[in-house]
Amino acid sequence: MALLKLIHWVFAILFIAGAIILPLQYRFPNAGITVDIHIPSGQTRSLNYNCTTVASGNTTHLPTIWLEADAAHGIVDFLGLQHYLAVTHGRNSCSYDPPNFGWSEALPSNLLNWFSYFGPLLEALGQEDNDRVMVGWGDGAVNALLHTIEDALHTKALVLLDASPDGIEWFDTQRANSWTQTQMLEYRKNDLAGRITLAKIILALGIPWGLMPLLLTPSNYSAYFDPTLAPRFHAQGSKEPLWTYQYYALLQQAAGQIDTYLATTMVPASVKTYAVITNNSQPSDAASNAFYRKTKLDMANHIAGGNLSGLAWCATSDCDLGFPVEKAEWTANAIVSLGV
């Protein structure tokens, strides 16, 4: 009986904590501006964007730098990078919350082309005829490449920030264990099943009981460009829409094959391609690290049609996939130094 009472009180405390902590993740003001876009289906949706506009000068005639992430990252990830691009380098830049993330609305479920929102966003901002540089961070390289091909006339360059082909972690495990393709695919199946289970636990327990801020809290916020704004950045990982998307995306990934889009697609010859790659993706394993470096570089060269226009390495030991967020000033310097 005593044990049952204890369990009762533990659950009661967790529910109360969730009722208090969960709303706190939504208390932060929007870092961008919402605008209505008219998607090809004829429907209207609002997207959240953030564009910096520097004073007229020697650099304002250069293309606007558009920063793209995957579906689970947006404006607050790029605030530091946009700050340094504007203040240090006098460059105009834009970012946005992808549909169903941050302050952007979800797209209609029956939309055939899930990437067709970018053109309407440019039109809503009056930028459809402006020259631009597309920058794709991580899995955001898919968006950046798709939107580059969609409007190669106005896209002067594509910059890949530590982009890698889908499944690079499984390919590396296959290499390390000398597995066959069948063994690797079985490992992928089990790995995705584990990720799906984790997402379900987070949606069922972690978010409703307010545990996510405790589980995701980093040791400090000093890596974020403005530590006073870091709680807002951190809060995006504690919201239900993010993990709902993660859950359904994992289900879709598990039901399909490894996506080969980045590994098989090239930009039009008129678009210059550049890459910024972490030198130490797997610092604890030299062979794995070399595999990651080579795979990312080979993919960037392929996308560029064998004619990569520029390359920069993030070579410090603490540089990982998060460098556009954690090393925003360095990243801004690296992008501009490429000559885009």
C-alpha atoms as a PDB file:
ATOM      1  CA  MET A   1       0.000   0.000   0.000  1.00  0.00           C
ATOM      2  CA  ALA A   2       2.836   2.376   0.861  1.00  0.00           C
ATOM      3  CA  LEU A   3       4.432   1.681  -2.521  1.00  0.00           C
ATOM      4  CA  LEU A   4       1.186   2.467  -4.333  1.00  0.00           C
ATOM      5  CA  LYS A   5       0.880   5.746  -2.459  1.00  0.00           C
ATOM      6  CA  LEU A   6       4.445   6.618  -3.364  1.00  0.00           C
ATOM      7  CA  ILE A   7       3.795   5.876  -7.040  1.00  0.00           C
ATOM      8  CA  HIS A   8       0.616   7.960  -6.864  1.00  0.00           C
ATOM      9  CA  TRP A   9       2.504  10.946  -5.489  1.00  0.00           C
ATOM     10  CA  VAL A  10       5.328  10.574  -8.002  1.00  0.00           C
ATOM     11  CA  PHE A  11       2.834  10.658 -10.883  1.00  0.00           C
ATOM     12  CA  ALA A  12       0.997  13.583  -9.322  1.00  0.00           C
ATOM     13  CA  ILE A  13       4.216  15.564  -8.991  1.00  0.00           C
ATOM     14  CA  LEU A  14       5.191  14.783 -12.572  1.00  0.00           C
ATOM     15  CA  PHE A  15       1.820  15.939 -13.908  1.00  0.00           C
ATOM     16  CA  ILE A  16       2.010  19.139 -11.878  1.00  0.00           C
ATOM     17  CA  ALA A  17       5.582  19.744 -13.071  1.00  0.00           C
ATOM     18  CA  GLY A  18       4.486  19.189 -16.655  1.00  0.00           C
ATOM     19  CA  ALA A  19       1.607  21.643 -16.258  1.00  0.00           C
ATOM     20  CA  ILE A  20       4.074  24.269 -15.058  1.00  0.00           C
ATOM     21  CA  ILE A  21       7.161  23.595 -17.183  1.00  0.00           C
ATOM     22  CA  LEU A  22       5.589  22.854 -20.581  1.00  0.00           C
ATOM     23  CA  PRO A  23       3.919  26.286 -21.018  1.00  0.00           C
ATOM     24  CA  LEU A  24       7.224  27.946 -20.158  1.00  0.00           C
ATOM     25  CA  GLN A  25       8.697  26.639 -23.421  1.00  0.00           C
ATOM     26  CA  TYR A  26       6.178  28.812 -25.306  1.00  0.00           C
ATOM     27  CA  ARG A  27       6.804  32.052 -23.413  1.00  0.00           C
ATOM     28  CA  PHE A  28       9.490  33.407 -25.715  1.00  0.00           C
ATOM     29  CA  PRO A  29       8.667  36.044 -28.345  1.00  0.00           C
ATOM     30  CA  ASN A  30       8.936  35.278 -32.016  1.00  0.00           C
ATOM     31  CA  ALA A  31      12.405  36.112 -33.342  1.00  0.00           C
ATOM     32  CA  GLY A  32      11.051  36.575 -36.862  1.00  0.00           C
ATOM     33  CA  ILE A  33       8.096  37.925 -38.820  1.00  0.00           C
ATOM     34  CA  THR A  34       5.217  35.863 -40.196  1.00  0.00           C
ATOM     35  CA  VAL A  35       4.058  36.369 -43.748  1.00  0.00           C
ATOM     36  CA  ASP A  36       1.244  34.727 -45.724  1.00  0.00           C
ATOM     37  CA  ILE A  37       2.345  32.729 -48.758  1.00  0.00           C
ATOM     38  CA  HIS A  38       0.204  31.328 -51.550  1.00  0.00           C
ATOM     39  CA  ILE A  39       1.275  27.768 -52.285  1.00  0.00           C
ATOM     40  CA  PRO A  40       0.686  26.074 -55.672  1.00  0.00           C
ATOM     41  CA  SER A  41      -2.433  24.288 -54.405  1.00  0.00           C
ATOM     42  CA  GLY A  42      -4.097  27.683 -54.127  1.00  0.00           C
ATOM     43  CA  GLN A  43      -4.148  27.631 -50.337  1.00  0.00           C
ATOM     44  CA  THR A  44      -2.578  30.186 -48.015  1.00  0.00           C
ATOM     45  CA  ARG A  45      -0.195  29.430 -45.187  1.00  0.00           C
ATOM     46  CA  SER A  46       1.945  31.625 -42.936  1.00  0.00           C
ATOM     47  CA  LEU A  47       5.708  31.169 -42.775  1.00  0.00           C
ATOM     48  CA  ASN A  48       8.026  32.777 -40.274  1.00  0.00           C
ATOM     49  CA  TYR A  49      11.166  34.436 -41.634  1.00  0.00           C
ATOM     50  CA  ASN A  50      14.042  36.609 -40.478  1.00  0.00           C
ATOM     51  CA  CYS A  51      15.912  38.842 -42.921  1.00  0.00           C
ATOM     52  CA  THR A  52      18.698  41.235 -41.973  1.00  0.00           C
ATOM     53  CA  THR A  53      19.129  44.386 -44.033  1.00  0.00           C
ATOM     54  CA  VAL A  54      22.410  46.222 -43.681  1.00  0.00           C
ATOM     55  CA  ALA A  55      22.984  49.872 -44.522  1.00  0.00           C
ATOM     56  CA  SER A  56      23.796  50.570 -48.139  1.00  0.00           C
ATOM     57  CA  GLY A  57      27.482  50.038 -48.852  1.00  0.00           C
ATOM     58  CA  ASN A  58      30.058  48.142 -50.848  1.00  0.00           C
ATOM     59  CA  THR A  59      28.514  44.744 -50.071  1.00  0.00           C
ATOM     60  CA  THR A  60      24.782  45.405 -50.414  1.00  0.00           C
ATOM     61  CA  HIS A  61      24.856  44.711 -54.149  1.00  0.00           C
ATOM     62  CA  LEU A  62      25.980  41.135 -53.441  1.00  0.00           C
ATOM     63  CA  PRO A  63      23.448  38.279 -53.414  1.00  0.00           C
ATOM     64  CA  THR A  64      21.350  37.738 -50.304  1.00  0.00           C
ATOM     65  CA  ILE A  65      22.508  34.700 -48.350  1.00  0.00           C
ATOM     66  CA  TRP A  66      19.609  32.310 -47.662  1.00  0.00           C
ATOM     67  CA  LEU A  67      20.194  29.851 -44.811  1.00  0.00           C
ATOM     68  CA  GLU A  68      18.335  26.549 -44.885  1.00  0.00           C
ATOM     69  CA  ALA A  69      18.146  23.812 -42.258  1.00  0.00           C
ATOM     70  CA  ASP A  70      16.212  20.581 -41.992  1.00  0.00           C
ATOM     71  CA  ALA A  71      12.613  20.432 -40.788  1.00  0.00           C
ATOM     72  CA  ALA A  72      13.658  20.522 -37.117  1.00  0.00           C
ATOM     73  CA  HIS A  73      15.704  23.741 -37.130  1.00  0.00           C
ATOM     74  CA  GLY A  74      15.008  27.331 -38.059  1.00  0.00           C
ATOM     75  CA  ILE A  75      15.477  31.005 -37.271  1.00  0.00           C
ATOM     76  CA  VAL A  76      16.804  30.712 -33.729  1.00  0.00           C
ATOM     77  CA  ASP A  77      19.576  28.397 -34.956  1.00  0.00           C
ATOM     78  CA  PHE A  78      20.805  31.065 -37.363  1.00  0.00           C
ATOM     79  CA  LEU A  79      20.481  34.234 -35.271  1.00  0.00           C
ATOM     80  CA  GLY A  80      24.207  34.305 -34.475  1.00  0.00           C
ATOM     81  CA  LEU A  81      25.293  33.527 -38.018  1.00  0.00           C
ATOM     82  CA  GLN A  82      23.025  36.241 -39.421  1.00  0.00           C
ATOM     83  CA  HIS A  83      24.283  38.678 -36.799  1.00  0.00           C
ATOM     84  CA  TYR A  84      27.919  38.229 -37.818  1.00  0.00           C
ATOM     85  CA  LEU A  85      27.147  38.198 -41.542  1.00  0.00           C
ATOM     86  CA  ALA A  86      25.484  41.608 -41.132  1.00  0.00           C
ATOM     87  CA  VAL A  87      27.641  43.298 -38.487  1.00  0.00           C
ATOM     88  CA  THR A  88      31.073  41.977 -39.463  1.00  0.00           C
ATOM     89  CA  HIS A  89      30.684  41.472 -43.194  1.00  0.00           C
ATOM     90  CA  GLY A  90      27.841  43.801 -44.212  1.00  0.00           C
ATOM     91  CA  ARG A  91      25.923  40.966 -45.885  1.00  0.00           C
ATOM     92  CA  ASN A  92      22.176  40.652 -46.115  1.00  0.00           C
ATOM     93  CA  SER A  93      20.844  37.226 -45.144  1.00  0.00           C
ATOM     94  CA  CYS A  94      17.550  35.452 -44.547  1.00  0.00           C
ATOM     95  CA  SER A  95      16.382  32.357 -42.702  1.00  0.00           C
ATOM     96  CA  TYR A  96      12.987  30.867 -41.957  1.00  0.00           C
ATOM     97  CA  ASP A  97      11.184  28.370 -39.784  1.00  0.00           C
ATOM     98  CA  PRO A  98      10.286  25.388 -41.977  1.00  0.00           C
ATOM     99  CA  PRO A  99       6.602  24.486 -42.211  1.00  0.00           C
ATOM    100  CA  ASN A 100       5.231  23.035 -38.952  1.00  0.00           C
ATOM    101  CA  PHE A 101       8.213  24.267 -36.944  1.00  0.00           C
ATOM    102  CA  GLY A 102       8.715  27.324 -34.772  1.00  0.00           C
ATOM    103  CA  TRP A 103       6.178  29.948 -35.766  1.00  0.00           C
ATOM    104  CA  SER A 104       5.436  28.563 -39.244  1.00  0.00           C
ATOM    105  CA  GLU A 105       2.165  26.839 -40.090  1.00  0.00           C
ATOM    106  CA  ALA A 106       2.006  23.275 -41.342  1.00  0.00           C
ATOM    107  CA  LEU A 107       1.494  22.664 -45.046  1.00  0.00           C
ATOM    108  CA  PRO A 108      -1.664  20.886 -46.275  1.00  0.00           C
ATOM    109  CA  SER A 109      -1.344  17.124 -45.874  1.00  0.00           C
ATOM    110  CA  ASN A 110      -2.357  16.560 -49.499  1.00  0.00           C
ATOM    111  CA  LEU A 111       0.332  18.813 -50.970  1.00  0.00           C
ATOM    112  CA  LEU A 112       2.213  16.905 -53.674  1.00  0.00           C
ATOM    113  CA  ASN A 113       5.425  18.944 -53.618  1.00  0.00           C
ATOM    114  CA  TRP A 114       6.609  19.452 -50.040  1.00  0.00           C
ATOM    115  CA  PHE A 115       9.357  21.838 -51.136  1.00  0.00           C
ATOM    116  CA  SER A 116       7.135  24.163 -53.162  1.00  0.00           C
ATOM    117  CA  TYR A 117       6.804  26.773 -50.408  1.00  0.00           C
ATOM    118  CA  PHE A 118      10.127  28.534 -51.018  1.00  0.00           C
ATOM    119  CA  GLY A 119       9.181  30.231 -54.292  1.00  0.00           C
ATOM    120  CA  PRO A 120       5.963  31.617 -52.782  1.00  0.00           C
ATOM    121  CA  LEU A 121       7.973  32.851 -49.775  1.00  0.00           C
ATOM    122  CA  LEU A 122      10.320  34.760 -52.085  1.00  0.00           C
ATOM    123  CA  GLU A 123       7.318  36.214 -53.914  1.00  0.00           C
ATOM    124  CA  ALA A 124       5.687  37.297 -50.655  1.00  0.00           C
ATOM    125  CA  LEU A 125       8.924  39.119 -49.737  1.00  0.00           C
ATOM    126  CA  GLY A 126       9.374  40.617 -53.212  1.00  0.00           C
ATOM    127  CA  GLN A 127      12.661  38.737 -53.650  1.00  0.00           C
ATOM    128  CA  GLU A 128      11.764  36.323 -56.431  1.00  0.00           C
ATOM    129  CA  ASP A 129      13.901  38.216 -58.967  1.00  0.00           C
ATOM    130  CA  ASN A 130      16.836  38.911 -56.629  1.00  0.00           C
ATOM    131  CA  ASP A 131      20.132  37.070 -56.812  1.00  0.00           C
ATOM    132  CA  ARG A 132      20.804  34.757 -53.897  1.00  0.00           C
ATOM    133  CA  VAL A 133      23.278  32.313 -52.370  1.00  0.00           C
ATOM    134  CA  MET A 134      21.727  29.150 -50.942  1.00  0.00           C
ATOM    135  CA  VAL A 135      23.387  27.745 -47.823  1.00  0.00           C
ATOM    136  CA  GLY A 136      22.307  24.301 -46.666  1.00  0.00           C
ATOM    137  CA  TRP A 137      23.270  23.143 -43.171  1.00  0.00           C
ATOM    138  CA  GLY A 138      23.330  19.380 -42.515  1.00  0.00           C
ATOM    139  CA  ASP A 139      20.161  17.786 -43.855  1.00  0.00           C
ATOM    140  CA  GLY A 140      19.098  21.271 -44.926  1.00  0.00           C
ATOM    141  CA  ALA A 141      21.355  20.671 -47.915  1.00  0.00           C
ATOM    142  CA  VAL A 142      18.430  18.792 -49.474  1.00  0.00           C
ATOM    143  CA  ASN A 143      16.241  21.918 -49.291  1.00  0.00           C
ATOM    144  CA  ALA A 144      19.057  24.155 -50.501  1.00  0.00           C
ATOM    145  CA  LEU A 145      19.839  21.900 -53.466  1.00  0.00           C
ATOM    146  CA  LEU A 146      16.175  21.524 -54.434  1.00  0.00           C
ATOM    147  CA  HIS A 147      15.618  25.279 -54.278  1.00  0.00           C
ATOM    148  CA  THR A 148      18.845  25.940 -56.175  1.00  0.00           C
ATOM    149  CA  ILE A 149      17.713  23.727 -59.040  1.00  0.00           C
ATOM    150  CA  GLU A 150      14.218  25.227 -58.839  1.00  0.00           C
ATOM    151  CA  ASP A 151      15.603  28.676 -59.663  1.00  0.00           C
ATOM    152  CA  ALA A 152      19.143  28.335 -60.999  1.00  0.00           C
ATOM    153  CA  LEU A 153      18.770  31.634 -62.849  1.00  0.00           C
ATOM    154  CA  HIS A 154      18.873  33.668 -59.648  1.00  0.00           C
ATOM    155  CA  THR A 155      20.989  31.294 -57.545  1.00  0.00           C
ATOM    156  CA  LYS A 156      24.617  32.296 -57.895  1.00  0.00           C
ATOM    157  CA  ALA A 157      26.105  29.781 -55.482  1.00  0.00           C
ATOM    158  CA  LEU A 158      25.320  26.818 -53.257  1.00  0.00           C
ATOM    159  CA  VAL A 159      27.216  26.392 -49.980  1.00  0.00           C
ATOM    160  CA  LEU A 160      27.051  23.051 -48.168  1.00  0.00           C
ATOM    161  CA  LEU A 161      27.653  23.255 -44.398  1.00  0.00           C
ATOM    162  CA  ASP A 162      28.770  19.803 -43.242  1.00  0.00           C
ATOM    163  CA  ALA A 163      26.257  18.065 -45.477  1.00  0.00           C
ATOM    164  CA  SER A 164      26.399  14.282 -45.757  1.00  0.00           C
ATOM    165  CA  PRO A 165      24.427  11.627 -47.617  1.00  0.00           C
ATOM    166  CA  ASP A 166      21.539   9.923 -45.888  1.00  0.00           C
ATOM    167  CA  GLY A 167      22.760   6.881 -43.964  1.00  0.00           C
ATOM    168  CA  ILE A 168      26.371   7.941 -43.520  1.00  0.00           C
ATOM    169  CA  GLU A 169      26.345   6.572 -39.945  1.00  0.00           C
ATOM    170  CA  TRP A 170      25.147   3.164 -41.193  1.00  0.00           C
ATOM    171  CA  PHE A 171      27.667   3.113 -44.016  1.00  0.00           C
ATOM    172  CA  ASP A 172      30.411   3.842 -41.514  1.00  0.00           C
ATOM    173  CA  THR A 173      29.272   1.011 -39.258  1.00  0.00           C
ATOM    174  CA  GLN A 174      29.194  -1.260 -42.293  1.00  0.00           C
ATOM    175  CA  ARG A 175      32.768  -0.287 -43.101  1.00  0.00           C
ATOM    176  CA  ALA A 176      33.962  -0.803 -39.525  1.00  0.00           C
ATOM    177  CA  ASN A 177      32.391  -4.274 -39.283  1.00  0.00           C
ATOM    178  CA  SER A 178      33.002  -5.409 -42.887  1.00  0.00           C
ATOM    179  CA  TRP A 179      29.268  -6.060 -43.215  1.00  0.00           C
ATOM    180  CA  THR A 180      27.360  -7.000 -46.325  1.00  0.00           C
ATOM    181  CA  GLN A 181      24.646  -4.692 -47.633  1.00  0.00           C
ATOM    182  CA  THR A 182      22.030  -6.979 -46.099  1.00  0.00           C
ATOM    183  CA  GLN A 183      23.649  -6.800 -42.669  1.00  0.00           C
ATOM    184  CA  MET A 184      23.871  -3.019 -42.872  1.00  0.00           C
ATOM    185  CA  LEU A 185      20.204  -2.712 -43.808  1.00  0.00           C
ATOM    186  CA  GLU A 186      19.215  -4.951 -40.888  1.00  0.00           C
ATOM    187  CA  TYR A 187      21.233  -2.729 -38.573  1.00  0.00           C
ATOM    188  CA  ARG A 188      19.498   0.331 -40.064  1.00  0.00           C
ATOM    189  CA  LYS A 189      16.099  -1.266 -39.454  1.00  0.00           C
ATOM    190  CA  ASN A 190      16.891  -1.901 -35.787  1.00  0.00           C
ATOM    191  CA  ASP A 191      18.451   1.525 -35.318  1.00  0.00           C
ATOM    192  CA  LEU A 192      15.401   3.310 -36.724  1.00  0.00           C
ATOM    193  CA  ALA A 193      13.113   1.148 -34.578  1.00  0.00           C
ATOM    194  CA  GLY A 194      15.032   2.334 -31.521  1.00  0.00           C
ATOM    195  CA  ARG A 195      14.728   5.973 -32.582  1.00  0.00           C
ATOM    196  CA  ILE A 196      10.984   5.552 -33.141  1.00  0.00           C
ATOM    197  CA  THR A 197      10.593   4.075 -29.663  1.00  0.00           C
ATOM    198  CA  LEU A 198      12.508   6.995 -28.165  1.00  0.00           C
ATOM    199  CA  ALA A 199      10.302   9.505 -30.013  1.00  0.00           C
ATOM    200  CA  LYS A 200       7.185   7.746 -28.704  1.00  0.00           C
ATOM    201  CA  ILE A 201       8.480   7.894 -25.135  1.00  0.00           C
ATOM    202  CA  ILE A 202       9.251  11.590 -25.508  1.00  0.00           C
ATOM    203  CA  LEU A 203       5.781  12.308 -26.895  1.00  0.00           C
ATOM    204  CA  ALA A 204       4.032  10.168 -24.286  1.00  0.00           C
ATOM    205  CA  LEU A 205       6.059  11.088 -21.208  1.00  0.00           C
ATOM    206  CA  GLY A 206       8.873  13.556 -21.757  1.00  0.00           C
ATOM    207  CA  ILE A 207       6.802  16.440 -23.120  1.00  0.00           C
ATOM    208  CA  PRO A 208       3.507  16.033 -21.189  1.00  0.00           C
ATOM    209  CA  TRP A 209       5.380  15.655 -17.889  1.00  0.00           C
ATOM    210  CA  GLY A 210       7.698  18.569 -18.560  1.00  0.00           C
ATOM    211  CA  LEU A 211      10.843  16.425 -18.474  1.00  0.00           C
ATOM    212  CA  MET A 212      12.399  17.637 -21.746  1.00  0.00           C
ATOM    213  CA  PRO A 213      14.044  20.790 -20.344  1.00  0.00           C
ATOM    214  CA  LEU A 214      15.719  18.601 -17.742  1.00  0.00           C
ATOM    215  CA  LEU A 215      16.846  15.974 -20.249  1.00  0.00           C
ATOM    216  CA  LEU A 216      18.081  18.419 -22.873  1.00  0.00           C
ATOM    217  CA  THR A 217      19.681  21.087 -20.702  1.00  0.00           C
ATOM    218  CA  PRO A 218      23.326  21.546 -21.747  1.00  0.00           C
ATOM    219  CA  SER A 219      26.100  22.136 -19.237  1.00  0.00           C
ATOM    220  CA  ASN A 220      26.176  25.807 -20.234  1.00  0.00           C
ATOM    221  CA  TYR A 221      24.888  28.191 -22.872  1.00  0.00           C
ATOM    222  CA  SER A 222      28.219  29.846 -23.616  1.00  0.00           C
ATOM    223  CA  ALA A 223      28.494  28.380 -27.122  1.00  0.00           C
ATOM    224  CA  TYR A 224      25.360  30.221 -28.283  1.00  0.00           C
ATOM    225  CA  PHE A 225      26.283  33.587 -29.752  1.00  0.00           C
ATOM    226  CA  ASP A 226      24.290  35.460 -27.114  1.00  0.00           C
ATOM    227  CA  PRO A 227      23.978  33.359 -23.929  1.00  0.00           C
ATOM    228  CA  THR A 228      21.073  35.517 -22.728  1.00  0.00           C
ATOM    229  CA  LEU A 229      19.030  34.283 -25.714  1.00  0.00           C
ATOM    230  CA  ALA A 230      20.061  30.641 -25.326  1.00  0.00           C
ATOM    231  CA  PRO A 231      16.951  29.593 -23.317  1.00  0.00           C
ATOM    232  CA  ARG A 232      14.790  30.526 -26.310  1.00  0.00           C
ATOM    233  CA  PHE A 233      17.033  28.435 -28.568  1.00  0.00           C
ATOM    234  CA  HIS A 234      16.950  25.543 -26.113  1.00  0.00           C
ATOM    235  CA  ALA A 235      13.146  25.644 -25.781  1.00  0.00           C
ATOM    236  CA  GLN A 236      12.558  24.608 -29.395  1.00  0.00           C
ATOM    237  CA  GLY A 237      13.694  21.072 -28.520  1.00  0.00           C
ATOM    238  CA  SER A 238      10.996  20.748 -25.850  1.00  0.00           C
ATOM    239  CA  LYS A 239       7.928  21.407 -27.991  1.00  0.00           C
ATOM    240  CA  GLU A 240       5.460  18.807 -29.215  1.00  0.00           C
ATOM    241  CA  PRO A 241       5.346  19.825 -32.937  1.00  0.00           C
ATOM    242  CA  LEU A 242       9.068  19.140 -33.282  1.00  0.00           C
ATOM    243  CA  TRP A 243       8.860  15.634 -31.847  1.00  0.00           C
ATOM    244  CA  THR A 244       5.625  14.853 -33.648  1.00  0.00           C
ATOM    245  CA  TYR A 245       7.407  15.644 -36.891  1.00  0.00           C
ATOM    246  CA  GLN A 246      10.411  13.564 -35.803  1.00  0.00           C
ATOM    247  CA  TYR A 247       8.164  10.602 -35.053  1.00  0.00           C
ATOM    248  CA  TYR A 248       6.335  10.602 -38.396  1.00  0.00           C
ATOM    249  CA  ALA A 249       9.527  11.347 -40.325  1.00  0.00           C
ATOM    250  CA  LEU A 250      11.181   8.318 -38.711  1.00  0.00           C
ATOM    251  CA  LEU A 251       8.178   6.152 -39.586  1.00  0.00           C
ATOM    252  CA  GLN A 252       8.434   7.286 -43.193  1.00  0.00           C
ATOM    253  CA  GLN A 253      12.188   6.736 -43.223  1.00  0.00           C
ATOM    254  CA  ALA A 254      11.842   3.230 -41.804  1.00  0.00           C
ATOM    255  CA  ALA A 255       9.224   2.329 -44.394  1.00  0.00           C
ATOM    256  CA  GLY A 256      11.405   3.460 -47.289  1.00  0.00           C
ATOM    257  CA  GLN A 257      14.903   3.044 -48.618  1.00  0.00           C
ATOM    258  CA  ILE A 258      18.004   5.128 -47.975  1.00  0.00           C
ATOM    259  CA  ASP A 259      17.530   8.491 -49.704  1.00  0.00           C
ATOM    260  CA  THR A 260      20.088   8.938 -52.471  1.00  0.00           C
ATOM    261  CA  TYR A 261      19.100  12.469 -53.554  1.00  0.00           C
ATOM    262  CA  LEU A 262      22.221  14.261 -52.317  1.00  0.00           C
ATOM    263  CA  ALA A 263      24.486  11.471 -53.522  1.00  0.00           C
ATOM    264  CA  THR A 264      23.064  11.419 -57.061  1.00  0.00           C
ATOM    265  CA  THR A 265      22.068  15.017 -57.883  1.00  0.00           C
ATOM    266  CA  MET A 266      24.180  17.778 -59.429  1.00  0.00           C
ATOM    267  CA  VAL A 267      23.651  21.529 -59.632  1.00  0.00           C
ATOM    268  CA  PRO A 268      23.323  23.252 -63.007  1.00  0.00           C
ATOM    269  CA  ALA A 269      26.693  24.259 -64.453  1.00  0.00           C
ATOM    270  CA  SER A 270      25.887  27.950 -63.940  1.00  0.00           C
ATOM    271  CA  VAL A 271      25.835  27.564 -60.133  1.00  0.00           C
ATOM    272  CA  LYS A 272      29.089  27.505 -58.201  1.00  0.00           C
ATOM    273  CA  THR A 273      29.254  25.033 -55.323  1.00  0.00           C
ATOM    274  CA  TYR A 274      31.259  25.371 -52.113  1.00  0.00           C
ATOM    275  CA  ALA A 275      31.592  23.283 -48.965  1.00  0.00           C
ATOM    276  CA  VAL A 276      32.455  23.845 -45.315  1.00  0.00           C
ATOM    277  CA  ILE A 277      33.177  20.532 -43.575  1.00  0.00           C
ATOM    278  CA  THR A 278      34.099  19.514 -40.047  1.00  0.00           C
ATOM    279  CA  ASN A 279      37.566  17.982 -39.922  1.00  0.00           C
ATOM    280  CA  ASN A 280      36.807  15.955 -36.800  1.00  0.00           C
ATOM    281  CA  SER A 281      33.317  14.485 -37.130  1.00  0.00           C
ATOM    282  CA  GLN A 282      34.358  11.405 -35.129  1.00  0.00           C
ATOM    283  CA  PRO A 283      37.397  12.534 -33.107  1.00  0.00           C
ATOM    284  CA  SER A 284      37.535   9.348 -31.018  1.00  0.00           C
ATOM    285  CA  ASP A 285      37.924   7.088 -34.060  1.00  0.00           C
ATOM    286  CA  ALA A 286      40.539   8.013 -36.677  1.00  0.00           C
ATOM    287  CA  ALA A 287      39.265   5.548 -39.293  1.00  0.00           C
ATOM    288  CA  SER A 288      35.665   6.658 -38.845  1.00  0.00           C
ATOM    289  CA  ASN A 289      36.722  10.290 -38.942  1.00  0.00           C
ATOM    290  CA  ALA A 290      38.556   9.760 -42.229  1.00  0.00           C
ATOM    291  CA  PHE A 291      35.499   7.988 -43.656  1.00  0.00           C
ATOM    292  CA  TYR A 292      33.201  10.873 -42.721  1.00  0.00           C
ATOM    293  CA  ARG A 293      35.575  13.457 -44.211  1.00  0.00           C
ATOM    294  CA  LYS A 294      35.993  11.575 -47.479  1.00  0.00           C
ATOM    295  CA  THR A 295      32.288  10.770 -47.844  1.00  0.00           C
ATOM    296  CA  LYS A 296      31.222  14.392 -47.280  1.00  0.00           C
ATOM    297  CA  LEU A 297      33.881  15.753 -49.618  1.00  0.00           C
ATOM    298  CA  ASP A 298      33.096  13.189 -52.338  1.00  0.00           C
ATOM    299  CA  MET A 299      29.412  14.092 -52.146  1.00  0.00           C
ATOM    300  CA  ALA A 300      30.126  17.827 -52.356  1.00  0.00           C
ATOM    301  CA  ASN A 301      32.340  17.236 -55.388  1.00  0.00           C
ATOM    302  CA  HIS A 302      29.615  15.175 -57.029  1.00  0.00           C
ATOM    303  CA  ILE A 303      26.953  17.838 -56.430  1.00  0.00           C
ATOM    304  CA  ALA A 304      29.362  20.351 -57.984  1.00  0.00           C
ATOM    305  CA  GLY A 305      29.764  18.143 -61.054  1.00  0.00           C
ATOM    306  CA  GLY A 306      33.388  17.481 -60.119  1.00  0.00           C
ATOM    307  CA  ASN A 307      34.149  21.189 -60.033  1.00  0.00           C
ATOM    308  CA  LEU A 308      33.953  22.300 -56.391  1.00  0.00           C
ATOM    309  CA  SER A 309      34.644  26.041 -56.369  1.00  0.00           C
ATOM    310  CA  GLY A 310      35.907  26.320 -52.798  1.00  0.00           C
ATOM    311  CA  LEU A 311      36.389  24.363 -49.590  1.00  0.00           C
ATOM    312  CA  ALA A 312      36.889  25.277 -45.919  1.00  0.00           C
ATOM    313  CA  TRP A 313      37.547  22.965 -42.992  1.00  0.00           C
ATOM    314  CA  CYS A 314      36.362  23.522 -39.435  1.00  0.00           C
ATOM    315  CA  ALA A 315      39.473  21.983 -37.933  1.00  0.00           C
ATOM    316  CA  THR A 316      39.304  22.577 -34.177  1.00  0.00           C
ATOM    317  CA  SER A 317      38.797  19.502 -32.012  1.00  0.00           C
ATOM    318  CA  ASP A 318      35.439  20.761 -30.690  1.00  0.00           C
ATOM    319  CA  CYS A 319      33.968  21.465 -34.119  1.00  0.00           C
ATOM    320  CA  ASP A 320      31.023  19.227 -34.937  1.00  0.00           C
ATOM    321  CA  LEU A 321      27.797  19.419 -36.960  1.00  0.00           C
ATOM    322  CA  GLY A 322      26.527  22.212 -34.713  1.00  0.00           C
ATOM    323  CA  PHE A 323      29.202  24.710 -35.787  1.00  0.00           C
ATOM    324  CA  PRO A 324      26.797  27.175 -37.511  1.00  0.00           C
ATOM    325  CA  VAL A 325      25.137  27.588 -34.089  1.00  0.00           C
ATOM    326  CA  GLU A 326      28.079  27.080 -31.733  1.00  0.00           C
ATOM    327  CA  LYS A 327      30.716  28.793 -33.873  1.00  0.00           C
ATOM    328  CA  ALA A 328      28.561  31.374 -35.599  1.00  0.00           C
ATOM    329  CA  GLU A 329      31.296  33.989 -36.007  1.00  0.00           C
ATOM    330  CA  TRP A 330      33.747  31.478 -37.474  1.00  0.00           C
ATOM    331  CA  THR A 331      31.051  30.162 -39.821  1.00  0.00           C
ATOM    332  CA  ALA A 332      30.212  33.647 -41.089  1.00  0.00           C
ATOM    333  CA  ASN A 333      33.905  34.268 -41.776  1.00  0.00           C
ATOM    334  CA  ALA A 334      34.210  30.922 -43.568  1.00  0.00           C
ATOM    335  CA  ILE A 335      31.192  31.537 -45.836  1.00  0.00           C
ATOM    336  CA  VAL A 336      32.308  35.018 -46.830  1.00  0.00           C
ATOM    337  CA  SER A 337      35.931  33.927 -47.331  1.00  0.00           C
ATOM    338  CA  LEU A 338      34.735  31.516 -49.986  1.00  0.00           C
ATOM    339  CA  GLY A 339      33.929  34.547 -52.118  1.00  0.00           C
ATOM    340  CA  VAL A 340      30.170  34.038 -52.456  1.00  0.00           C
END
